[in-house]
Amino acid sequence: MRLPDTAHTSRPWRIHELTPEFRLEDVWALPTPGGPDDFPRLVRLIASGNASQNSKGAARALWMIRLKLGKILGWDGPDAGPGPDAGPGPDRPSLRGRLPADLRDLPPGLDFRALPFTPLYLTADEFAAEIINRTVHGVLHLGWVRDGAGLRDGAGLRDAAGRYHGQLAVLVKPNGLLGTGYMAAITPFRHLIVYPPMIRQIGQAWRTRGAGATPGSAPART
């Protein structure tokens, strides 16, 4: 379920202090009902890459096309070349340089190699990772929020005491004209073709793993 921007901007997330010049592209409620302690499970699920790798049909095709184009055109490499549209470097530093002391240490064992993102920080209810390439400096943000009124859909989001669910936000800073044009071109495809099946896949994987069986339950091992 796509949410209004205020679902992200109204919350006291730590990411706000790190990304003042970034644009909020999307906010989505994830069909991942659970208890207050289930957030680490969601982070591991997203980090595994299952949502993108298991996508089917048009969404899968678009994902593969983007990866192929990035490889051919050098959009995604850390050494994408000099100039204003280059990858990470002095002119486009990682957000890790902005992290306050209490966010700098990532927990051991957090493996994000299945996706083209680099972890930034992890708290009890918030996770952020970044990608820097020739088109965009992007941030994937996950939050763990208490269920609220109106969050009802066929995937199992319900109003109930002690119930929580994941919330996904995407923030971007386009890199020059290439990045601005690229983001404008892919926006309708992301909203109509990419995100809906990806979010359904996240919900399916969450239910398959049996997460959040009871409010407040400890995360099961994976």
Foldseek 3Di string as FASTA:
>chain_A
DWDDPCVPVVDPDPVCVLCVPWAWQTKDWFLQKAFLQQVVVLLLLVLVVCLQVVFDDPQVVVVVVVVVVCVVQVFADCCSDDDQLAWDDPNHHDSLVVDDPVFNDADPPRHNVSDQWAWRGDDSFKTKTWGTTSFKTKIKIKGKAQQDPPPDDPLDRDHDPRMITMMIIMIIDTRPPNNVVVCVVCSVCCVPPHPPSSSVSSSVVSVVLPHRVDHPDHGDDD
